[in-house]
C-alpha atoms as a PDB file:
ATOM      1  CA  MET A   1       9.850 -38.789  49.198  1.00  0.00           C
ATOM      2  CA  THR A   2       9.748 -36.406  46.362  1.00  0.00           C
ATOM      3  CA  TRP A   3       8.327 -37.066  43.017  1.00  0.00           C
ATOM      4  CA  ALA A   4      12.149 -37.810  41.474  1.00  0.00           C
ATOM      5  CA  GLU A   5      13.133 -40.350  43.950  1.00  0.00           C
ATOM      6  CA  ALA A   6       9.989 -42.332  43.509  1.00  0.00           C
ATOM      7  CA  VAL A   7      10.457 -42.143  39.870  1.00  0.00           C
ATOM      8  CA  SER A   8      14.244 -42.409  40.750  1.00  0.00           C
ATOM      9  CA  ASN A   9      13.433 -45.316  43.183  1.00  0.00           C
ATOM     10  CA  MET A  10      10.988 -47.215  39.819  1.00  0.00           C
ATOM     11  CA  THR A  11      13.465 -47.329  36.971  1.00  0.00           C
ATOM     12  CA  THR A  12      15.936 -48.985  39.481  1.00  0.00           C
ATOM     13  CA  SER A  13      14.087 -51.770  40.307  1.00  0.00           C
ATOM     14  CA  PRO A  14      13.701 -54.851  38.178  1.00  0.00           C
ATOM     15  CA  ILE A  15      10.318 -54.998  38.185  1.00  0.00           C
ATOM     16  CA  PHE A  16      10.035 -52.161  35.402  1.00  0.00           C
ATOM     17  CA  PHE A  17      13.287 -53.232  33.317  1.00  0.00           C
ATOM     18  CA  ILE A  18      10.856 -56.564  32.970  1.00  0.00           C
ATOM     19  CA  SER A  19       8.191 -55.138  32.556  1.00  0.00           C
ATOM     20  CA  LEU A  20      10.094 -52.835  29.780  1.00  0.00           C
ATOM     21  CA  PHE A  21      10.957 -55.579  28.362  1.00  0.00           C
ATOM     22  CA  VAL A  22       7.527 -57.704  28.469  1.00  0.00           C
ATOM     23  CA  PHE A  23       6.128 -53.881  26.574  1.00  0.00           C
ATOM     24  CA  LEU A  24       8.928 -54.243  23.863  1.00  0.00           C
ATOM     25  CA  LEU A  25       8.382 -57.737  23.130  1.00  0.00           C
ATOM     26  CA  THR A  26       4.361 -56.856  22.510  1.00  0.00           C
ATOM     27  CA  VAL A  27       5.133 -54.432  20.643  1.00  0.00           C
ATOM     28  CA  ILE A  28       7.259 -55.491  18.115  1.00  0.00           C
ATOM     29  CA  PHE A  29       4.591 -58.598  17.852  1.00  0.00           C
ATOM     30  CA  VAL A  30       2.058 -56.414  17.026  1.00  0.00           C
ATOM     31  CA  MET A  31       4.028 -54.687  14.161  1.00  0.00           C
ATOM     32  CA  VAL A  32       4.990 -58.061  12.679  1.00  0.00           C
ATOM     33  CA  LEU A  33       1.490 -59.462  12.617  1.00  0.00           C
ATOM     34  CA  GLY A  34       0.133 -56.041  11.664  1.00  0.00           C
ATOM     35  CA  ILE A  35       2.719 -56.347   8.379  1.00  0.00           C
ATOM     36  CA  LYS A  36       2.540 -60.038   7.363  1.00  0.00           C
ATOM     37  CA  LYS A  37      -1.745 -58.775   7.697  1.00  0.00           C
ATOM     38  CA  GLY A  38      -1.206 -56.096   5.975  1.00  0.00           C
ATOM     39  CA  TRP A  39      -2.356 -53.634   8.628  1.00  0.00           C
ATOM     40  CA  VAL A  40       0.995 -52.004   8.508  1.00  0.00           C
ATOM     41  CA  LYS A  41       2.837 -50.404   5.792  1.00  0.00           C
ATOM     42  CA  PHE A  42       6.000 -49.018   5.014  1.00  0.00           C
ATOM     43  CA  ARG A  43       7.184 -47.715   1.786  1.00  0.00           C
ATOM     44  CA  ASN A  44      10.321 -46.330   1.200  1.00  0.00           C
ATOM     45  CA  LYS A  45      11.780 -45.631  -3.004  1.00  0.00           C
ATOM     46  CA  ASN A  46      12.872 -48.973  -3.344  1.00  0.00           C
ATOM     47  CA  ILE A  47      11.502 -50.646  -0.208  1.00  0.00           C
ATOM     48  CA  SER A  48       8.132 -52.039   0.522  1.00  0.00           C
ATOM     49  CA  VAL A  49       7.069 -53.901   3.143  1.00  0.00           C
ATOM     50  CA  GLY A  50       3.339 -54.745   3.985  1.00  0.00           C
ATOM     51  CA  SER A  51      -0.216 -55.782   2.356  1.00  0.00           C
ATOM     52  CA  ASP A  52       0.117 -55.253  -1.712  1.00  0.00           C
ATOM     53  CA  ILE A  53      -3.287 -56.666  -1.947  1.00  0.00           C
ATOM     54  CA  GLU A  54      -4.924 -54.035  -3.609  1.00  0.00           C
ATOM     55  CA  ARG A  55      -2.205 -53.515  -5.801  1.00  0.00           C
ATOM     56  CA  ASN A  56      -2.773 -56.893  -7.084  1.00  0.00           C
ATOM     57  CA  ILE A  57      -6.490 -56.816  -7.072  1.00  0.00           C
ATOM     58  CA  ILE A  58      -6.116 -53.763  -9.532  1.00  0.00           C
ATOM     59  CA  LEU A  59      -3.822 -55.875 -11.738  1.00  0.00           C
ATOM     60  CA  THR A  60      -5.819 -59.116 -11.362  1.00  0.00           C
ATOM     61  CA  GLN A  61      -8.899 -56.955 -12.910  1.00  0.00           C
ATOM     62  CA  ILE A  62      -6.930 -54.811 -15.479  1.00  0.00           C
ATOM     63  CA  LYS A  63      -5.797 -58.810 -17.097  1.00  0.00           C
ATOM     64  CA  LYS A  64      -9.348 -60.085 -16.721  1.00  0.00           C
ATOM     65  CA  VAL A  65     -10.361 -56.672 -18.614  1.00  0.00           C
ATOM     66  CA  GLU A  66      -7.270 -57.524 -21.078  1.00  0.00           C
ATOM     67  CA  SER A  67      -8.609 -61.065 -21.980  1.00  0.00           C
ATOM     68  CA  THR A  68     -11.874 -60.571 -22.038  1.00  0.00           C
ATOM     69  CA  ILE A  69     -11.334 -57.835 -24.786  1.00  0.00           C
ATOM     70  CA  ALA A  70      -9.106 -59.929 -26.702  1.00  0.00           C
ATOM     71  CA  ASP A  71     -11.682 -62.286 -26.072  1.00  0.00           C
ATOM     72  CA  PHE A  72     -14.947 -60.122 -27.662  1.00  0.00           C
ATOM     73  CA  TYR A  73     -12.579 -58.515 -30.412  1.00  0.00           C
ATOM     74  CA  VAL A  74     -11.938 -62.457 -31.598  1.00  0.00           C
ATOM     75  CA  ARG A  75     -15.397 -63.822 -31.388  1.00  0.00           C
ATOM     76  CA  ASN A  76     -16.628 -61.200 -33.186  1.00  0.00           C
ATOM     77  CA  GLY A  77     -14.349 -62.244 -36.218  1.00  0.00           C
ATOM     78  CA  PHE A  78     -12.801 -59.188 -36.829  1.00  0.00           C
ATOM     79  CA  ARG A  79     -10.123 -58.778 -39.242  1.00  0.00           C
ATOM     80  CA  LYS A  80      -6.852 -57.893 -38.773  1.00  0.00           C
ATOM     81  CA  ASP A  81      -6.069 -54.871 -40.265  1.00  0.00           C
ATOM     82  CA  ASP A  82      -9.407 -53.323 -39.309  1.00  0.00           C
ATOM     83  CA  TYR A  83      -8.060 -50.770 -37.716  1.00  0.00           C
ATOM     84  CA  LYS A  84     -11.461 -48.976 -36.577  1.00  0.00           C
ATOM     85  CA  ALA A  85     -12.344 -51.556 -35.137  1.00  0.00           C
ATOM     86  CA  ARG A  86      -9.292 -52.128 -32.612  1.00  0.00           C
ATOM     87  CA  PHE A  87      -9.471 -48.298 -32.098  1.00  0.00           C
ATOM     88  CA  ILE A  88     -12.601 -49.104 -30.718  1.00  0.00           C
ATOM     89  CA  SER A  89     -11.680 -52.014 -28.590  1.00  0.00           C
ATOM     90  CA  SER A  90      -9.196 -49.724 -27.139  1.00  0.00           C
ATOM     91  CA  GLU A  91     -11.417 -47.263 -26.228  1.00  0.00           C
ATOM     92  CA  VAL A  92     -13.696 -50.149 -24.835  1.00  0.00           C
ATOM     93  CA  ALA A  93     -10.466 -51.127 -22.334  1.00  0.00           C
ATOM     94  CA  ASP A  94      -9.721 -47.685 -21.535  1.00  0.00           C
ATOM     95  CA  ALA A  95     -12.803 -46.691 -20.618  1.00  0.00           C
ATOM     96  CA  LEU A  96     -12.676 -50.646 -18.364  1.00  0.00           C
ATOM     97  CA  TYR A  97      -9.748 -49.639 -16.894  1.00  0.00           C
ATOM     98  CA  LYS A  98     -10.980 -46.612 -15.751  1.00  0.00           C
ATOM     99  CA  THR A  99     -13.385 -48.287 -13.764  1.00  0.00           C
ATOM    100  CA  VAL A 100     -10.927 -50.609 -12.428  1.00  0.00           C
ATOM    101  CA  ALA A 101      -8.481 -48.014 -11.062  1.00  0.00           C
ATOM    102  CA  ILE A 102     -11.709 -46.653  -9.343  1.00  0.00           C
ATOM    103  CA  ASN A 103     -12.019 -49.459  -8.392  1.00  0.00           C
ATOM    104  CA  HIS A 104     -15.693 -48.949  -6.387  1.00  0.00           C
ATOM    105  CA  ILE A 105     -17.330 -51.758  -7.775  1.00  0.00           C
ATOM    106  CA  ASN A 106     -20.410 -53.347  -7.382  1.00  0.00           C
ATOM    107  CA  THR A 107     -23.124 -55.002  -8.162  1.00  0.00           C
ATOM    108  CA  SER A 108     -25.713 -52.617  -7.800  1.00  0.00           C
ATOM    109  CA  ALA A 109     -28.725 -52.012 -10.782  1.00  0.00           C
ATOM    110  CA  THR A 110     -27.685 -48.756 -10.766  1.00  0.00           C
ATOM    111  CA  TYR A 111     -23.801 -49.054 -10.930  1.00  0.00           C
ATOM    112  CA  LEU A 112     -24.679 -51.965 -13.867  1.00  0.00           C
ATOM    113  CA  MET A 113     -26.533 -49.737 -15.623  1.00  0.00           C
ATOM    114  CA  LEU A 114     -23.976 -46.916 -15.756  1.00  0.00           C
ATOM    115  CA  LYS A 115     -20.897 -48.773 -16.811  1.00  0.00           C
ATOM    116  CA  LYS A 116     -23.883 -50.481 -19.264  1.00  0.00           C
ATOM    117  CA  GLU A 117     -24.505 -47.263 -20.805  1.00  0.00           C
ATOM    118  CA  GLU A 118     -20.619 -45.798 -20.321  1.00  0.00           C
ATOM    119  CA  ILE A 119     -19.498 -48.706 -22.745  1.00  0.00           C
ATOM    120  CA  TRP A 120     -22.062 -48.695 -24.862  1.00  0.00           C
ATOM    121  CA  LYS A 121     -21.864 -44.445 -25.663  1.00  0.00           C
ATOM    122  CA  VAL A 122     -18.020 -44.973 -26.502  1.00  0.00           C
ATOM    123  CA  ILE A 123     -19.088 -47.829 -29.150  1.00  0.00           C
ATOM    124  CA  CYS A 124     -21.826 -46.081 -30.672  1.00  0.00           C
ATOM    125  CA  GLU A 125     -18.984 -42.648 -30.535  1.00  0.00           C
ATOM    126  CA  TYR A 126     -17.589 -44.319 -33.234  1.00  0.00           C
ATOM    127  CA  SER A 127     -19.357 -47.169 -34.903  1.00  0.00           C
ATOM    128  CA  ASP A 128     -21.624 -46.139 -37.962  1.00  0.00           C
ATOM    129  CA  ASN A 129     -23.885 -49.288 -38.313  1.00  0.00           C
ATOM    130  CA  VAL A 130     -25.151 -50.299 -34.576  1.00  0.00           C
ATOM    131  CA  THR A 131     -28.237 -52.518 -33.909  1.00  0.00           C
ATOM    132  CA  GLU A 132     -30.277 -53.627 -31.155  1.00  0.00           C
ATOM    133  CA  GLU A 133     -29.095 -56.666 -31.445  1.00  0.00           C
ATOM    134  CA  GLN A 134     -25.701 -55.375 -30.303  1.00  0.00           C
ATOM    135  CA  LYS A 135     -26.752 -53.324 -27.700  1.00  0.00           C
ATOM    136  CA  ALA A 136     -28.123 -56.377 -26.127  1.00  0.00           C
ATOM    137  CA  LYS A 137     -24.583 -57.977 -26.462  1.00  0.00           C
ATOM    138  CA  ILE A 138     -22.527 -55.823 -25.160  1.00  0.00           C
ATOM    139  CA  TYR A 139     -25.063 -54.850 -22.618  1.00  0.00           C
ATOM    140  CA  ASP A 140     -24.591 -58.389 -21.228  1.00  0.00           C
ATOM    141  CA  ALA A 141     -21.056 -58.613 -21.624  1.00  0.00           C
ATOM    142  CA  THR A 142     -20.437 -55.583 -19.737  1.00  0.00           C
ATOM    143  CA  ASP A 143     -23.265 -57.143 -16.890  1.00  0.00           C
ATOM    144  CA  LYS A 144     -21.235 -60.297 -16.869  1.00  0.00           C
ATOM    145  CA  LEU A 145     -17.318 -58.198 -16.708  1.00  0.00           C
ATOM    146  CA  ILE A 146     -18.232 -56.093 -13.781  1.00  0.00           C
ATOM    147  CA  ARG A 147     -20.098 -58.919 -11.709  1.00  0.00           C
ATOM    148  CA  GLU A 148     -16.660 -61.824 -12.442  1.00  0.00           C
ATOM    149  CA  LEU A 149     -14.760 -57.875 -11.691  1.00  0.00           C
ATOM    150  CA  VAL A 150     -16.321 -58.294  -8.317  1.00  0.00           C
ATOM    151  CA  GLU A 151     -15.893 -62.103  -7.356  1.00  0.00           C
ATOM    152  CA  ILE A 152     -12.505 -61.367  -8.852  1.00  0.00           C
ATOM    153  CA  ARG A 153     -12.137 -58.229  -5.885  1.00  0.00           C
ATOM    154  CA  ASP A 154     -13.422 -60.750  -2.748  1.00  0.00           C
ATOM    155  CA  TYR A 155     -11.535 -64.027  -3.728  1.00  0.00           C
ATOM    156  CA  LEU A 156      -8.432 -61.257  -3.463  1.00  0.00           C
ATOM    157  CA  LEU A 157      -9.927 -59.540  -0.342  1.00  0.00           C
ATOM    158  CA  ASN A 158     -10.690 -63.789   1.027  1.00  0.00           C
ATOM    159  CA  GLY A 159      -7.286 -64.411   0.463  1.00  0.00           C
ATOM    160  CA  GLY A 160      -8.391 -66.910  -1.988  1.00  0.00           C
ATOM    161  CA  LYS A 161     -11.587 -68.190  -0.231  1.00  0.00           C
ATOM    162  CA  LYS A 162     -14.323 -67.904  -1.221  1.00  0.00           C
END
């Protein structure tokens, strides 16, 4: 029997078709499971199939940054016509947006110190009078915010479970 005859006999066998059917069902099941879990993602111009968990994490973190900046602005009693304070707040927000967009946020001591210094540098660049008390407040607020952003990421990655 030649190789061609063996293949021909195999493809006409009912076992071949049953095996092919089971294989295709398995592939479809794995694809559906992969899409549901976010392992497989398809994107077209108007259609997105798969998990957008990273996008949700970043959007949630940006909302947290916005609320923190707004809260800080209100707590420190800036007047509504104080454009310099608003400008400084927007520059700090921009620096924090970049931090969120890069998305490598962690709570290591070095990372936290670098972010505290980065935010403080932005404030010092545009402020006239800065004090050590303000520096301590900014360092504490930045530390707290970075830790909350990491918690948000962990919470959303675990599907809302701690």
